[in-house]
């Protein structure tokens, strides 16, 4: 039950953050996670509070790819399709990863582990935003 609450909280956070990035996103941050992933568990709160909250201008759109089970995959499916990254998500086999994607071309620019420091993740996102 605790895992379900955590998943729903994270999905709600991602939905709230992505509301800012509907029309003018330059980069999509595809976050592949699972409740059974130790790296995801150790970093999920930090990602929302310290990393993604810093990007409220709409240039970054965060899309969750929760691969915990069939139910979590179904919850994410619509957002993945709407963002145009469902195929990329289907090929994302490693949890605890952020895949940074050009929002227009839908090409993968880079990936980074959520286990990296907040500063390293922000630098990767900032560099990707500058390239896009």
Protein backbone atom coordinates (compact mmCIF):
# COMPACT_ATOMS: atom_id res chain seq x y z
CA UNK A 1 0.00 0.00 0.00
CA UNK A 2 2.89 2.35 0.81
CA UNK A 3 4.38 1.72 -2.66
CA UNK A 4 1.05 2.55 -4.32
CA UNK A 5 0.83 5.82 -2.37
CA UNK A 6 4.42 6.68 -3.30
CA UNK A 7 3.76 5.94 -6.98
CA UNK A 8 0.57 8.02 -7.00
CA UNK A 9 2.34 10.90 -5.26
CA UNK A 10 5.15 10.86 -7.81
CA UNK A 11 2.73 10.64 -10.74
CA UNK A 12 0.75 13.58 -9.31
CA UNK A 13 3.98 15.57 -8.91
CA UNK A 14 4.99 14.85 -12.51
CA UNK A 15 1.53 15.81 -13.76
CA UNK A 16 1.69 19.08 -11.82
CA UNK A 17 5.14 19.93 -13.09
CA UNK A 18 4.34 18.98 -16.69
CA UNK A 19 1.33 21.29 -16.65
CA UNK A 20 3.85 24.14 -16.97
CA UNK A 21 5.41 22.55 -20.05
CA UNK A 22 2.47 21.95 -22.34
CA UNK A 23 3.25 24.11 -25.36
CA UNK A 24 6.81 25.37 -25.37
CA UNK A 25 8.90 22.53 -23.99
CA UNK A 26 12.32 22.26 -25.58
CA UNK A 27 13.29 19.05 -23.80
CA UNK A 28 11.38 16.08 -22.47
CA UNK A 29 12.80 14.38 -19.38
CA UNK A 30 11.62 10.77 -19.56
CA UNK A 31 12.04 9.31 -16.06
CA UNK A 32 12.07 5.51 -16.05
CA UNK A 33 11.40 4.23 -12.54
CA UNK A 34 9.94 1.37 -10.54
CA UNK A 35 8.92 0.89 -6.92
CA UNK A 36 11.29 -2.08 -6.63
CA UNK A 37 14.30 -0.09 -7.89
CA UNK A 38 16.65 0.75 -5.01
CA UNK A 39 18.11 3.76 -6.87
CA UNK A 40 14.60 5.09 -7.54
CA UNK A 41 13.58 4.63 -3.90
CA UNK A 42 16.67 6.40 -2.63
CA UNK A 43 16.20 9.41 -4.92
CA UNK A 44 12.50 9.88 -5.70
CA UNK A 45 11.83 12.65 -3.17
CA UNK A 46 14.99 14.51 -4.09
CA UNK A 47 14.17 14.45 -7.78
CA UNK A 48 10.91 16.33 -7.34
CA UNK A 49 12.04 18.71 -4.61
CA UNK A 50 15.58 19.55 -5.67
CA UNK A 51 15.80 18.83 -9.38
CA UNK A 52 12.53 19.11 -11.30
CA UNK A 53 11.11 21.94 -9.17
CA UNK A 54 13.90 24.14 -10.54
CA UNK A 55 12.40 23.94 -14.06
CA UNK A 56 9.10 25.78 -13.95
CA UNK A 57 9.55 27.90 -17.08
CA UNK A 58 8.03 25.27 -19.33
CA UNK A 59 11.18 24.47 -21.28
CA UNK A 60 11.39 21.05 -19.60
CA UNK A 61 8.53 18.58 -19.71
CA UNK A 62 8.78 15.68 -17.25
CA UNK A 63 7.14 12.41 -18.25
CA UNK A 64 7.08 9.38 -15.96
CA UNK A 65 7.68 5.88 -17.27
CA UNK A 66 6.79 3.75 -14.25
CA UNK A 67 7.60 0.13 -15.07
CA UNK A 68 6.75 -1.30 -11.63
CA UNK A 69 3.93 -3.48 -12.97
CA UNK A 70 1.19 -3.58 -15.61
CA UNK A 71 -1.03 -1.18 -13.64
CA UNK A 72 1.68 1.48 -13.33
CA UNK A 73 2.59 1.07 -17.00
CA UNK A 74 -1.06 1.62 -17.91
CA UNK A 75 -1.21 4.79 -15.78
CA UNK A 76 1.75 6.26 -17.67
CA UNK A 77 0.78 5.12 -21.16
CA UNK A 78 -1.38 8.11 -22.13
CA UNK A 79 1.20 10.71 -21.02
CA UNK A 80 3.95 8.84 -22.88
CA UNK A 81 1.86 8.76 -26.06
CA UNK A 82 0.83 12.43 -25.76
CA UNK A 83 4.47 13.45 -25.35
CA UNK A 84 5.40 11.34 -28.38
CA UNK A 85 7.92 9.26 -26.43
CA UNK A 86 6.09 5.93 -26.05
CA UNK A 87 8.53 4.12 -28.37
CA UNK A 88 11.53 5.52 -26.54
CA UNK A 89 9.94 4.54 -23.22
CA UNK A 90 9.31 1.01 -24.48
CA UNK A 91 13.03 0.70 -25.19
CA UNK A 92 14.05 2.11 -21.79
CA UNK A 93 15.09 -1.06 -20.01
CA UNK A 94 17.03 0.47 -17.12
CA UNK A 95 15.23 2.00 -14.14
CA UNK A 96 16.54 4.99 -12.25
CA UNK A 97 17.37 6.83 -15.46
CA UNK A 98 16.41 10.17 -16.97
CA UNK A 99 16.40 10.20 -20.76
CA UNK A 100 16.63 13.73 -22.13
CA UNK A 101 14.83 14.04 -25.46
CA UNK A 102 14.53 16.90 -27.95
CA UNK A 103 10.83 17.83 -27.74
CA UNK A 104 10.52 18.64 -31.45
CA UNK A 105 12.58 15.92 -33.12
CA UNK A 106 11.94 13.28 -30.42
CA UNK A 107 15.61 12.28 -30.61
CA UNK A 108 17.41 11.15 -27.50
CA UNK A 109 20.08 13.66 -26.55
CA UNK A 110 21.48 12.06 -23.40
CA UNK A 111 20.74 9.95 -20.33
CA UNK A 112 21.69 10.36 -16.71
CA UNK A 113 21.10 8.30 -13.59
CA UNK A 114 18.86 9.67 -10.84
CA UNK A 115 21.62 8.42 -8.55
CA UNK A 116 23.91 11.24 -9.70
CA UNK A 117 24.13 14.37 -7.57
CA UNK A 118 21.53 17.11 -7.88
CA UNK A 119 24.18 19.38 -9.37
CA UNK A 120 25.21 16.80 -12.01
CA UNK A 121 21.61 16.22 -13.06
CA UNK A 122 20.86 19.95 -13.29
CA UNK A 123 24.04 20.50 -15.33
CA UNK A 124 22.98 17.74 -17.75
CA UNK A 125 19.48 19.21 -18.08
CA UNK A 126 20.81 22.75 -18.50
CA UNK A 127 23.27 21.62 -21.19
CA UNK A 128 20.50 19.78 -23.02
CA UNK A 129 18.22 22.84 -22.85
CA UNK A 130 20.98 24.98 -24.36
CA UNK A 131 21.47 22.49 -27.22
CA UNK A 132 17.76 22.38 -28.03
